[in-house]
C-alpha atoms as a PDB file:
ATOM      1  CA  MET A   1     140.544  32.630  94.462  1.00  0.00           C
ATOM      2  CA  THR A   2     138.756  34.567  97.085  1.00  0.00           C
ATOM      3  CA  ASP A   3     138.125  38.482  98.015  1.00  0.00           C
ATOM      4  CA  GLN A   4     140.429  39.891 100.133  1.00  0.00           C
ATOM      5  CA  GLU A   5     139.562  43.299 102.882  1.00  0.00           C
ATOM      6  CA  PRO A   6     141.169  45.871 102.097  1.00  0.00           C
ATOM      7  CA  ARG A   7     145.142  45.733 103.572  1.00  0.00           C
ATOM      8  CA  HIS A   8     146.121  48.647 105.828  1.00  0.00           C
ATOM      9  CA  ASP A   9     149.455  50.447 106.386  1.00  0.00           C
ATOM     10  CA  PRO A  10     150.223  50.310 110.120  1.00  0.00           C
ATOM     11  CA  ILE A  11     152.026  53.865 109.392  1.00  0.00           C
ATOM     12  CA  THR A  12     150.169  55.778 107.023  1.00  0.00           C
ATOM     13  CA  SER A  13     146.553  54.326 107.440  1.00  0.00           C
ATOM     14  CA  GLU A  14     146.426  54.570 103.861  1.00  0.00           C
ATOM     15  CA  SER A  15     144.647  51.259 101.852  1.00  0.00           C
ATOM     16  CA  ARG A  16     146.562  48.883  99.646  1.00  0.00           C
ATOM     17  CA  PRO A  17     144.925  46.564  96.823  1.00  0.00           C
ATOM     18  CA  GLY A  18     144.014  43.311  98.136  1.00  0.00           C
ATOM     19  CA  ASP A  19     143.863  40.382  95.617  1.00  0.00           C
ATOM     20  CA  GLY A  20     140.300  40.950  94.905  1.00  0.00           C
ATOM     21  CA  ASP A  21     140.309  44.685  94.156  1.00  0.00           C
ATOM     22  CA  ALA A  22     140.437  45.535  90.834  1.00  0.00           C
ATOM     23  CA  PRO A  23     144.336  47.280  89.424  1.00  0.00           C
ATOM     24  CA  ALA A  24     144.275  50.886  88.975  1.00  0.00           C
ATOM     25  CA  GLY A  25     142.599  52.064  85.330  1.00  0.00           C
ATOM     26  CA  VAL A  26     140.347  49.434  85.546  1.00  0.00           C
ATOM     27  CA  HIS A  27     136.440  49.881  85.022  1.00  0.00           C
ATOM     28  CA  ASP A  28     135.075  48.363  88.591  1.00  0.00           C
ATOM     29  CA  PRO A  29     131.202  48.373  88.563  1.00  0.00           C
ATOM     30  CA  ALA A  30     131.041  47.643  91.979  1.00  0.00           C
ATOM     31  CA  ARG A  31     132.612  50.805  92.888  1.00  0.00           C
ATOM     32  CA  GLN A  32     130.451  52.356  89.917  1.00  0.00           C
ATOM     33  CA  SER A  33     127.675  50.946  91.977  1.00  0.00           C
ATOM     34  CA  THR A  34     128.426  52.285  95.730  1.00  0.00           C
ATOM     35  CA  ALA A  35     128.803  56.179  93.686  1.00  0.00           C
ATOM     36  CA  ARG A  36     125.736  55.528  92.153  1.00  0.00           C
ATOM     37  CA  GLY A  37     124.159  54.685  95.625  1.00  0.00           C
ATOM     38  CA  ALA A  38     125.109  57.709  97.687  1.00  0.00           C
ATOM     39  CA  LEU A  39     124.283  59.737  94.712  1.00  0.00           C
ATOM     40  CA  ILE A  40     120.786  58.458  95.388  1.00  0.00           C
ATOM     41  CA  ALA A  41     120.593  58.898  98.917  1.00  0.00           C
ATOM     42  CA  VAL A  42     121.782  61.987  98.599  1.00  0.00           C
ATOM     43  CA  LEU A  43     119.162  63.302  96.188  1.00  0.00           C
ATOM     44  CA  VAL A  44     116.056  61.159  98.175  1.00  0.00           C
ATOM     45  CA  ALA A  45     116.790  63.125 101.387  1.00  0.00           C
ATOM     46  CA  VAL A  46     116.990  66.148  99.745  1.00  0.00           C
ATOM     47  CA  VAL A  47     113.294  65.512  98.374  1.00  0.00           C
ATOM     48  CA  ALA A  48     112.243  64.300 101.984  1.00  0.00           C
ATOM     49  CA  LEU A  49     113.344  67.986 103.724  1.00  0.00           C
ATOM     50  CA  ILE A  50     111.268  69.857 100.591  1.00  0.00           C
ATOM     51  CA  ALA A  51     108.915  67.524 101.201  1.00  0.00           C
ATOM     52  CA  PHE A  52     108.323  67.283 104.958  1.00  0.00           C
ATOM     53  CA  GLU A  53     110.301  70.234 106.347  1.00  0.00           C
ATOM     54  CA  GLY A  54     109.547  73.351 102.581  1.00  0.00           C
ATOM     55  CA  LYS A  55     106.536  74.437 104.594  1.00  0.00           C
ATOM     56  CA  ALA A  56     108.331  74.876 107.731  1.00  0.00           C
ATOM     57  CA  VAL A  57     111.421  76.919 106.513  1.00  0.00           C
ATOM     58  CA  GLU A  58     108.562  79.169 104.590  1.00  0.00           C
ATOM     59  CA  ARG A  59     106.515  79.224 108.232  1.00  0.00           C
ATOM     60  CA  ALA A  60     109.644  80.165 110.254  1.00  0.00           C
ATOM     61  CA  GLY A  61     110.488  83.314 107.434  1.00  0.00           C
ATOM     62  CA  GLU A  62     106.738  84.578 107.990  1.00  0.00           C
ATOM     63  CA  ARG A  63     107.714  84.659 112.441  1.00  0.00           C
ATOM     64  CA  GLN A  64     110.413  86.544 111.966  1.00  0.00           C
ATOM     65  CA  GLU A  65     110.642  90.262 112.539  1.00  0.00           C
ATOM     66  CA  ASP A  66     111.717  92.579 109.654  1.00  0.00           C
ATOM     67  CA  GLY A  67     115.110  91.761 108.444  1.00  0.00           C
ATOM     68  CA  TRP A  68     117.747  90.139 106.092  1.00  0.00           C
ATOM     69  CA  GLN A  69     116.723  86.892 108.021  1.00  0.00           C
ATOM     70  CA  ARG A  70     112.970  86.829 107.105  1.00  0.00           C
ATOM     71  CA  GLU A  71     113.998  87.709 103.479  1.00  0.00           C
ATOM     72  CA  VAL A  72     116.653  85.414 103.510  1.00  0.00           C
ATOM     73  CA  LEU A  73     114.008  82.327 104.964  1.00  0.00           C
ATOM     74  CA  LEU A  74     111.521  83.421 103.078  1.00  0.00           C
ATOM     75  CA  ALA A  75     113.450  83.419  99.422  1.00  0.00           C
ATOM     76  CA  VAL A  76     114.625  79.738 100.708  1.00  0.00           C
ATOM     77  CA  GLY A  77     111.576  78.806 102.230  1.00  0.00           C
ATOM     78  CA  LYS A  78     109.027  79.886  99.606  1.00  0.00           C
ATOM     79  CA  PRO A  79     109.592  78.005  96.828  1.00  0.00           C
ATOM     80  CA  THR A  80     110.058  74.952  99.067  1.00  0.00           C
ATOM     81  CA  GLY A  81     107.056  75.341 100.486  1.00  0.00           C
ATOM     82  CA  TRP A  82     105.682  75.435  97.256  1.00  0.00           C
ATOM     83  CA  VAL A  83     107.418  71.977  96.260  1.00  0.00           C
ATOM     84  CA  ALA A  84     106.262  70.335  99.543  1.00  0.00           C
ATOM     85  CA  ASP A  85     102.337  71.305  98.943  1.00  0.00           C
ATOM     86  CA  LYS A  86     102.180  70.325  95.270  1.00  0.00           C
ATOM     87  CA  LEU A  87     103.712  66.446  96.814  1.00  0.00           C
ATOM     88  CA  PRO A  88     101.446  64.072  98.390  1.00  0.00           C
ATOM     89  CA  PHE A  89     103.333  64.445 101.327  1.00  0.00           C
ATOM     90  CA  SER A  90     101.266  67.014 103.473  1.00  0.00           C
ATOM     91  CA  GLY A  91     100.881  66.489 107.172  1.00  0.00           C
ATOM     92  CA  ILE A  92     102.968  62.733 107.344  1.00  0.00           C
ATOM     93  CA  GLY A  93     105.771  64.794 108.857  1.00  0.00           C
ATOM     94  CA  ASP A  94     103.104  66.755 111.545  1.00  0.00           C
ATOM     95  CA  ARG A  95     101.279  63.440 111.899  1.00  0.00           C
ATOM     96  CA  PHE A  96     104.248  61.381 112.454  1.00  0.00           C
ATOM     97  CA  ASN A  97     105.663  64.273 115.180  1.00  0.00           C
ATOM     98  CA  GLU A  98     102.368  63.758 116.852  1.00  0.00           C
ATOM     99  CA  VAL A  99     102.221  60.017 117.353  1.00  0.00           C
ATOM    100  CA  VAL A 100     106.089  59.629 118.592  1.00  0.00           C
ATOM    101  CA  GLY A 101     106.235  63.380 120.703  1.00  0.00           C
ATOM    102  CA  GLY A 102     103.271  62.478 123.267  1.00  0.00           C
ATOM    103  CA  GLY A 103     100.369  63.438 121.613  1.00  0.00           C
ATOM    104  CA  THR A 104      97.171  63.563 123.538  1.00  0.00           C
ATOM    105  CA  GLY A 105      95.253  60.248 121.572  1.00  0.00           C
ATOM    106  CA  GLY A 106      98.683  58.398 120.766  1.00  0.00           C
ATOM    107  CA  THR A 107      97.517  57.562 117.393  1.00  0.00           C
ATOM    108  CA  ALA A 108      97.509  59.535 114.370  1.00  0.00           C
ATOM    109  CA  ARG A 109      94.933  61.666 113.258  1.00  0.00           C
ATOM    110  CA  THR A 110      93.252  63.879 110.564  1.00  0.00           C
ATOM    111  CA  ALA A 111      92.294  67.412 112.140  1.00  0.00           C
ATOM    112  CA  ALA A 112      92.989  70.725 111.915  1.00  0.00           C
ATOM    113  CA  PRO A 113      96.597  71.290 112.608  1.00  0.00           C
ATOM    114  CA  VAL A 114      97.981  72.223 115.937  1.00  0.00           C
ATOM    115  CA  VAL A 115     100.443  74.477 117.014  1.00  0.00           C
ATOM    116  CA  SER A 116     103.458  72.540 119.040  1.00  0.00           C
ATOM    117  CA  GLY A 117     104.079  74.341 122.778  1.00  0.00           C
ATOM    118  CA  SER A 118     107.785  73.720 122.200  1.00  0.00           C
ATOM    119  CA  GLY A 119     109.421  74.850 119.201  1.00  0.00           C
ATOM    120  CA  ALA A 120     111.606  78.171 118.992  1.00  0.00           C
ATOM    121  CA  ILE A 121     110.872  81.576 121.335  1.00  0.00           C
ATOM    122  CA  THR A 122     109.777  83.967 119.486  1.00  0.00           C
ATOM    123  CA  PRO A 123     109.223  87.983 120.140  1.00  0.00           C
ATOM    124  CA  ASP A 124     105.634  88.294 120.424  1.00  0.00           C
ATOM    125  CA  ALA A 125     105.800  85.198 123.288  1.00  0.00           C
ATOM    126  CA  ILE A 126     107.716  88.382 125.230  1.00  0.00           C
ATOM    127  CA  ASP A 127     105.745  90.838 127.658  1.00  0.00           C
ATOM    128  CA  PRO A 128     106.727  94.045 126.191  1.00  0.00           C
ATOM    129  CA  ALA A 129     105.544  95.820 129.305  1.00  0.00           C
ATOM    130  CA  ALA A 130     108.385  93.052 131.392  1.00  0.00           C
ATOM    131  CA  VAL A 131     111.428  94.514 129.148  1.00  0.00           C
ATOM    132  CA  GLY A 132     110.119  98.412 129.445  1.00  0.00           C
ATOM    133  CA  GLU A 133     108.815  98.261 125.943  1.00  0.00           C
ATOM    134  CA  THR A 134     105.249  99.813 125.210  1.00  0.00           C
ATOM    135  CA  PRO A 135     103.029  96.437 124.398  1.00  0.00           C
ATOM    136  CA  ARG A 136     101.057  97.164 121.284  1.00  0.00           C
ATOM    137  CA  PRO A 137      97.572  97.207 122.225  1.00  0.00           C
ATOM    138  CA  PRO A 138      95.273  94.319 121.537  1.00  0.00           C
ATOM    139  CA  ARG A 139      92.765  93.710 118.457  1.00  0.00           C
ATOM    140  CA  PRO A 140      90.117  95.283 119.119  1.00  0.00           C
ATOM    141  CA  LEU A 141      87.495  92.780 121.235  1.00  0.00           C
ATOM    142  CA  ARG A 142      84.600  91.406 118.848  1.00  0.00           C
ATOM    143  CA  ASN A 143      84.365  87.619 119.756  1.00  0.00           C
ATOM    144  CA  LEU A 144      84.541  86.248 123.100  1.00  0.00           C
ATOM    145  CA  LEU A 145      85.066  82.551 123.114  1.00  0.00           C
ATOM    146  CA  VAL A 146      83.973  80.715 126.787  1.00  0.00           C
ATOM    147  CA  THR A 147      84.958  77.044 126.792  1.00  0.00           C
ATOM    148  CA  GLY A 148      85.609  73.751 129.055  1.00  0.00           C
ATOM    149  CA  ASP A 149      84.642  71.418 130.362  1.00  0.00           C
ATOM    150  CA  SER A 150      81.440  71.064 132.612  1.00  0.00           C
ATOM    151  CA  MET A 151      83.541  74.064 134.816  1.00  0.00           C
ATOM    152  CA  ALA A 152      82.367  76.697 132.297  1.00  0.00           C
ATOM    153  CA  THR A 153      79.188  76.638 132.780  1.00  0.00           C
ATOM    154  CA  PRO A 154      76.847  78.743 134.043  1.00  0.00           C
ATOM    155  CA  LEU A 155      79.731  80.692 133.598  1.00  0.00           C
ATOM    156  CA  ASP A 156      79.426  81.188 130.126  1.00  0.00           C
ATOM    157  CA  ALA A 157      76.474  82.547 130.557  1.00  0.00           C
ATOM    158  CA  GLU A 158      77.527  84.671 132.842  1.00  0.00           C
ATOM    159  CA  LEU A 159      79.893  86.096 130.739  1.00  0.00           C
ATOM    160  CA  ALA A 160      77.943  86.184 127.682  1.00  0.00           C
ATOM    161  CA  ARG A 161      75.107  88.758 129.500  1.00  0.00           C
ATOM    162  CA  THR A 162      78.691  90.525 130.791  1.00  0.00           C
ATOM    163  CA  PHE A 163      80.063  91.314 127.226  1.00  0.00           C
ATOM    164  CA  ALA A 164      76.734  91.039 124.928  1.00  0.00           C
ATOM    165  CA  ALA A 165      75.854  94.575 126.700  1.00  0.00           C
ATOM    166  CA  ARG A 166      79.299  95.775 125.006  1.00  0.00           C
ATOM    167  CA  GLY A 167      78.782  94.917 121.928  1.00  0.00           C
ATOM    168  CA  VAL A 168      80.662  92.041 121.878  1.00  0.00           C
ATOM    169  CA  GLU A 169      79.637  88.551 120.439  1.00  0.00           C
ATOM    170  CA  VAL A 170      80.391  85.589 123.028  1.00  0.00           C
ATOM    171  CA  THR A 171      80.699  82.133 121.465  1.00  0.00           C
ATOM    172  CA  ARG A 172      79.884  79.324 124.498  1.00  0.00           C
ATOM    173  CA  ASP A 173      81.517  76.556 123.601  1.00  0.00           C
ATOM    174  CA  PRO A 174      81.792  73.912 126.585  1.00  0.00           C
ATOM    175  CA  HIS A 175      82.046  70.052 126.207  1.00  0.00           C
ATOM    176  CA  ILE A 176      80.540  68.315 129.459  1.00  0.00           C
ATOM    177  CA  GLY A 177      82.703  64.902 130.388  1.00  0.00           C
ATOM    178  CA  THR A 178      85.634  66.046 128.413  1.00  0.00           C
ATOM    179  CA  SER A 179      89.222  66.525 129.416  1.00  0.00           C
ATOM    180  CA  ILE A 180      92.725  66.751 127.564  1.00  0.00           C
ATOM    181  CA  SER A 181      93.799  63.521 129.785  1.00  0.00           C
ATOM    182  CA  GLN A 182      90.722  60.905 128.030  1.00  0.00           C
ATOM    183  CA  PRO A 183      91.055  62.395 124.607  1.00  0.00           C
ATOM    184  CA  GLN A 184      88.506  59.440 122.882  1.00  0.00           C
ATOM    185  CA  ILE A 185      85.221  61.925 123.517  1.00  0.00           C
ATOM    186  CA  VAL A 186      86.697  65.508 122.318  1.00  0.00           C
ATOM    187  CA  ASP A 187      90.755  65.848 122.147  1.00  0.00           C
ATOM    188  CA  TRP A 188      91.053  69.310 123.171  1.00  0.00           C
ATOM    189  CA  ARG A 189      94.432  69.890 121.018  1.00  0.00           C
ATOM    190  CA  GLN A 190      92.489  69.779 117.846  1.00  0.00           C
ATOM    191  CA  LEU A 191      88.995  70.688 119.434  1.00  0.00           C
ATOM    192  CA  ALA A 192      91.731  73.773 120.332  1.00  0.00           C
ATOM    193  CA  ALA A 193      92.765  74.576 116.324  1.00  0.00           C
ATOM    194  CA  GLN A 194      89.398  74.414 115.394  1.00  0.00           C
ATOM    195  CA  GLN A 195      87.714  77.382 117.330  1.00  0.00           C
ATOM    196  CA  ALA A 196      91.275  78.746 117.053  1.00  0.00           C
ATOM    197  CA  ALA A 197      90.023  78.806 113.032  1.00  0.00           C
ATOM    198  CA  GLU A 198      87.059  80.682 113.951  1.00  0.00           C
ATOM    199  CA  LYS A 199      89.053  83.727 114.903  1.00  0.00           C
ATOM    200  CA  PRO A 200      88.150  84.755 118.435  1.00  0.00           C
ATOM    201  CA  ASP A 201      89.930  88.149 119.725  1.00  0.00           C
ATOM    202  CA  ALA A 202      89.408  86.375 123.448  1.00  0.00           C
ATOM    203  CA  VAL A 203      89.675  82.964 125.038  1.00  0.00           C
ATOM    204  CA  VAL A 204      88.575  82.276 127.940  1.00  0.00           C
ATOM    205  CA  VAL A 205      88.934  78.811 129.452  1.00  0.00           C
ATOM    206  CA  PHE A 206      87.427  76.308 132.358  1.00  0.00           C
ATOM    207  CA  LEU A 207      88.754  72.581 132.106  1.00  0.00           C
ATOM    208  CA  GLY A 208      90.253  70.108 134.486  1.00  0.00           C
ATOM    209  CA  ALA A 209      87.016  68.962 136.345  1.00  0.00           C
ATOM    210  CA  ASN A 210      87.219  65.547 134.407  1.00  0.00           C
ATOM    211  CA  GLU A 211      91.377  65.328 134.900  1.00  0.00           C
ATOM    212  CA  GLY A 212      93.370  62.390 136.036  1.00  0.00           C
ATOM    213  CA  PHE A 213      93.866  59.679 132.922  1.00  0.00           C
ATOM    214  CA  PRO A 214      97.335  58.289 132.089  1.00  0.00           C
ATOM    215  CA  LEU A 215      98.770  60.445 129.991  1.00  0.00           C
ATOM    216  CA  PRO A 216     101.640  60.342 127.340  1.00  0.00           C
ATOM    217  CA  LEU A 217     105.406  60.704 127.727  1.00  0.00           C
ATOM    218  CA  GLY A 218     107.470  60.081 125.198  1.00  0.00           C
ATOM    219  CA  ARG A 219     107.232  56.296 124.602  1.00  0.00           C
ATOM    220  CA  ARG A 220     105.968  55.443 127.526  1.00  0.00           C
ATOM    221  CA  THR A 221     102.494  56.547 129.682  1.00  0.00           C
ATOM    222  CA  VAL A 222     102.532  57.877 133.022  1.00  0.00           C
ATOM    223  CA  GLU A 223     100.040  57.862 135.810  1.00  0.00           C
ATOM    224  CA  CYS A 224      98.081  60.929 137.733  1.00  0.00           C
ATOM    225  CA  CYS A 225      99.880  62.596 139.947  1.00  0.00           C
ATOM    226  CA  GLY A 226     103.365  63.666 140.216  1.00  0.00           C
ATOM    227  CA  THR A 227     106.144  65.851 138.541  1.00  0.00           C
ATOM    228  CA  ALA A 228     105.994  62.878 134.968  1.00  0.00           C
ATOM    229  CA  TRP A 229     101.986  63.418 134.580  1.00  0.00           C
ATOM    230  CA  THR A 230     102.031  66.908 135.326  1.00  0.00           C
ATOM    231  CA  ALA A 231     104.818  67.708 132.587  1.00  0.00           C
ATOM    232  CA  ALA A 232     102.981  65.138 130.631  1.00  0.00           C
ATOM    233  CA  TYR A 233      99.918  67.429 131.295  1.00  0.00           C
ATOM    234  CA  ALA A 234     101.776  71.075 130.679  1.00  0.00           C
ATOM    235  CA  GLN A 235     102.338  69.998 127.361  1.00  0.00           C
ATOM    236  CA  SER A 236      99.040  69.701 126.014  1.00  0.00           C
ATOM    237  CA  VAL A 237      98.127  72.745 127.512  1.00  0.00           C
ATOM    238  CA  ARG A 238     101.252  74.378 125.964  1.00  0.00           C
ATOM    239  CA  THR A 239     100.250  73.337 122.693  1.00  0.00           C
ATOM    240  CA  MET A 240      96.481  74.023 123.032  1.00  0.00           C
ATOM    241  CA  MET A 241      98.005  77.870 124.620  1.00  0.00           C
ATOM    242  CA  GLY A 242      99.861  78.247 121.425  1.00  0.00           C
ATOM    243  CA  THR A 243      97.193  77.391 119.409  1.00  0.00           C
ATOM    244  CA  TYR A 244      94.655  79.916 120.306  1.00  0.00           C
ATOM    245  CA  ARG A 245      96.964  82.420 121.042  1.00  0.00           C
ATOM    246  CA  GLN A 246      97.231  82.999 116.601  1.00  0.00           C
ATOM    247  CA  ARG A 247     100.546  84.324 116.650  1.00  0.00           C
ATOM    248  CA  GLY A 248     100.203  86.274 119.228  1.00  0.00           C
ATOM    249  CA  ASP A 249      96.912  88.458 118.142  1.00  0.00           C
ATOM    250  CA  VAL A 250      94.686  86.681 121.000  1.00  0.00           C
ATOM    251  CA  ARG A 251      94.811  87.031 124.485  1.00  0.00           C
ATOM    252  CA  ILE A 252      93.695  83.542 126.305  1.00  0.00           C
ATOM    253  CA  TYR A 253      92.419  83.374 129.943  1.00  0.00           C
ATOM    254  CA  TRP A 254      92.932  80.259 131.997  1.00  0.00           C
ATOM    255  CA  LEU A 255      91.483  79.504 135.141  1.00  0.00           C
ATOM    256  CA  LEU A 256      92.266  77.426 137.952  1.00  0.00           C
ATOM    257  CA  LEU A 257      90.425  74.464 139.457  1.00  0.00           C
ATOM    258  CA  PRO A 258      88.731  75.714 142.530  1.00  0.00           C
ATOM    259  CA  PHE A 259      89.796  72.657 144.804  1.00  0.00           C
ATOM    260  CA  PRO A 260      87.135  70.141 145.597  1.00  0.00           C
ATOM    261  CA  ARG A 261      86.050  68.405 148.550  1.00  0.00           C
ATOM    262  CA  SER A 262      87.420  65.292 147.685  1.00  0.00           C
ATOM    263  CA  GLY A 263      90.580  64.926 148.420  1.00  0.00           C
ATOM    264  CA  GLU A 264      91.684  62.494 145.741  1.00  0.00           C
ATOM    265  CA  ARG A 265      90.481  64.941 143.255  1.00  0.00           C
ATOM    266  CA  ALA A 266      91.902  67.355 145.027  1.00  0.00           C
ATOM    267  CA  GLU A 267      95.796  66.228 144.385  1.00  0.00           C
ATOM    268  CA  VAL A 268      94.354  65.938 140.687  1.00  0.00           C
ATOM    269  CA  ALA A 269      93.231  69.768 141.046  1.00  0.00           C
ATOM    270  CA  ARG A 270      96.731  70.041 142.388  1.00  0.00           C
ATOM    271  CA  ALA A 271      98.676  68.322 139.661  1.00  0.00           C
ATOM    272  CA  VAL A 272      95.968  70.264 137.147  1.00  0.00           C
ATOM    273  CA  ASN A 273      96.658  73.719 138.515  1.00  0.00           C
ATOM    274  CA  GLU A 274     100.446  73.341 138.597  1.00  0.00           C
ATOM    275  CA  GLY A 275     100.805  72.150 134.914  1.00  0.00           C
ATOM    276  CA  ILE A 276      98.575  75.181 133.530  1.00  0.00           C
ATOM    277  CA  ARG A 277     101.053  77.471 135.451  1.00  0.00           C
ATOM    278  CA  VAL A 278     104.173  75.392 133.843  1.00  0.00           C
ATOM    279  CA  ALA A 279     102.697  76.011 130.355  1.00  0.00           C
ATOM    280  CA  ALA A 280     101.613  79.607 130.611  1.00  0.00           C
ATOM    281  CA  GLN A 281     105.225  80.391 131.568  1.00  0.00           C
ATOM    282  CA  ALA A 282     105.746  80.118 127.498  1.00  0.00           C
ATOM    283  CA  TYR A 283     103.418  82.431 126.660  1.00  0.00           C
ATOM    284  CA  ARG A 284     103.429  85.381 129.576  1.00  0.00           C
ATOM    285  CA  ALA A 285     102.547  88.049 126.627  1.00  0.00           C
ATOM    286  CA  GLN A 286      99.377  86.777 125.827  1.00  0.00           C
ATOM    287  CA  VAL A 287      97.801  84.350 128.343  1.00  0.00           C
ATOM    288  CA  ARG A 288      96.203  85.192 131.887  1.00  0.00           C
ATOM    289  CA  LEU A 289      95.610  83.019 134.764  1.00  0.00           C
ATOM    290  CA  VAL A 290      92.930  83.842 136.851  1.00  0.00           C
ATOM    291  CA  ASP A 291      93.515  82.176 140.129  1.00  0.00           C
ATOM    292  CA  LEU A 292      89.870  81.048 141.295  1.00  0.00           C
ATOM    293  CA  ALA A 293      91.720  78.318 143.763  1.00  0.00           C
ATOM    294  CA  THR A 294      93.286  80.934 145.992  1.00  0.00           C
ATOM    295  CA  VAL A 295      89.795  82.814 145.890  1.00  0.00           C
ATOM    296  CA  PHE A 296      87.058  80.228 146.728  1.00  0.00           C
ATOM    297  CA  THR A 297      89.267  77.789 148.377  1.00  0.00           C
ATOM    298  CA  PRO A 298      92.132  79.272 149.702  1.00  0.00           C
ATOM    299  CA  GLY A 299      95.092  77.160 151.256  1.00  0.00           C
ATOM    300  CA  ARG A 300      93.790  74.774 149.414  1.00  0.00           C
ATOM    301  CA  ARG A 301      90.955  74.409 151.798  1.00  0.00           C
ATOM    302  CA  PHE A 302      87.281  73.478 150.346  1.00  0.00           C
ATOM    303  CA  ARG A 303      84.359  75.475 151.442  1.00  0.00           C
ATOM    304  CA  ASP A 304      81.187  75.497 150.312  1.00  0.00           C
ATOM    305  CA  ALA A 305      80.038  79.333 151.482  1.00  0.00           C
ATOM    306  CA  MET A 306      82.553  82.369 151.452  1.00  0.00           C
ATOM    307  CA  GLU A 307      81.381  86.276 151.924  1.00  0.00           C
ATOM    308  CA  VAL A 308      80.404  88.125 148.333  1.00  0.00           C
ATOM    309  CA  ASP A 309      79.807  91.465 148.568  1.00  0.00           C
ATOM    310  CA  GLY A 310      79.635  91.578 152.465  1.00  0.00           C
ATOM    311  CA  ARG A 311      77.123  88.803 152.912  1.00  0.00           C
ATOM    312  CA  GLU A 312      77.814  85.281 153.357  1.00  0.00           C
ATOM    313  CA  ARG A 313      76.784  83.270 150.055  1.00  0.00           C
ATOM    314  CA  ILE A 314      77.012  79.570 148.944  1.00  0.00           C
ATOM    315  CA  VAL A 315      79.602  79.494 146.030  1.00  0.00           C
ATOM    316  CA  ARG A 316      79.595  75.929 145.461  1.00  0.00           C
ATOM    317  CA  GLU A 317      77.450  72.809 144.205  1.00  0.00           C
ATOM    318  CA  SER A 318      76.060  70.016 146.107  1.00  0.00           C
ATOM    319  CA  ASP A 319      78.587  67.612 144.007  1.00  0.00           C
ATOM    320  CA  GLY A 320      81.689  69.460 145.757  1.00  0.00           C
ATOM    321  CA  ILE A 321      83.287  70.334 142.537  1.00  0.00           C
ATOM    322  CA  HIS A 322      81.161  72.829 140.968  1.00  0.00           C
ATOM    323  CA  LEU A 323      80.211  76.509 141.238  1.00  0.00           C
ATOM    324  CA  ASN A 324      76.986  77.451 141.611  1.00  0.00           C
ATOM    325  CA  GLY A 325      75.208  79.965 140.102  1.00  0.00           C
ATOM    326  CA  GLU A 326      76.581  82.269 142.699  1.00  0.00           C
ATOM    327  CA  GLY A 327      79.887  81.045 141.864  1.00  0.00           C
ATOM    328  CA  SER A 328      79.529  81.478 137.984  1.00  0.00           C
ATOM    329  CA  LYS A 329      78.449  84.745 138.968  1.00  0.00           C
ATOM    330  CA  LEU A 330      81.813  85.678 141.091  1.00  0.00           C
ATOM    331  CA  ALA A 331      84.651  84.022 138.644  1.00  0.00           C
ATOM    332  CA  ALA A 332      82.744  85.945 135.679  1.00  0.00           C
ATOM    333  CA  LYS A 333      83.498  88.980 137.581  1.00  0.00           C
ATOM    334  CA  LEU A 334      86.790  87.962 138.190  1.00  0.00           C
ATOM    335  CA  VAL A 335      87.516  87.564 134.252  1.00  0.00           C
ATOM    336  CA  ALA A 336      86.007  90.413 132.868  1.00  0.00           C
ATOM    337  CA  ARG A 337      88.021  92.556 135.668  1.00  0.00           C
ATOM    338  CA  GLU A 338      91.246  90.694 133.368  1.00  0.00           C
ATOM    339  CA  ILE A 339      89.979  91.256 130.364  1.00  0.00           C
ATOM    340  CA  ASP A 340      89.142  94.662 131.016  1.00  0.00           C
ATOM    341  CA  ARG A 341      92.885  95.264 131.370  1.00  0.00           C
ATOM    342  CA  ALA A 342      93.225  94.514 128.301  1.00  0.00           C
ATOM    343  CA  TRP A 343      90.681  95.735 126.929  1.00  0.00           C
ATOM    344  CA  PRO A 344      89.702  99.108 129.001  1.00  0.00           C
ATOM    345  CA  ARG A 345      85.716 100.405 129.087  1.00  0.00           C
ATOM    346  CA  ARG A 346      84.830 103.696 128.136  1.00  0.00           C
END
């Protein structure tokens, strides 16, 4: 006799045993096996959640303001986080998210952790002054990081001279020929995590001269320089900003690119600057944009020289891209002025 599918009452939709079903009260190994499988599946899901997300619950609690929500999250997160640390799966979830979520390299990388720029918005991301509250003063400025590509030189030397006289230790860390959209030389998301681990009090970033390579966006790769590419670039920049800011304790000064002479490069610079603007909106309390584009190239018009302190001076290199020494001095003054707003000179 062949097994039959359960028959259903057309009115009650209740199943009736078919000819092949076990009579009521009779042990059915198949059904017992199914129940056992379901229980195992539930247990596996619970273990997986603890293994991959246990630390996430604890981190969410640490980011909460004092109150019962923080206490509940920490009460649950600390034991599950401890279990997650003891299991051999640490980091797998983060690396999986980086691969499928559009990491700049497109492949899993074993490096310092990066902070996602697309997570929940926390109170420390809001500028208190914008909502009528008194801003919390930043921690003392003792360490300043100046980083970026070749655009960061000789700006880094100018800032080092300026702030060394104030007793500030300046770390100069430019990476020539690198870009966010070409991570084979330097993966800037990972580099930002390594730099943030040194605990600078403020970070100056001047980056973007070498951009324009295709970027991953979801499951596809997009070409420069339309809205899709700009969105992908903004996501990487936001991730870096989220890493540098260290839960709101660090001030970030990101410089917008002066437009280059080349029309093709100018299109890239326009997309880069817009991506930076979009990325910074999530962290207005910590990120300040220094608009060198307007200062050096008003109306997006390239110029080799401009008036500085009442005199016409050459401010660009002959390559039509970089600032020369005079231009870098002016850029350093603008950056220092922004930093002085957070740390007034005494």
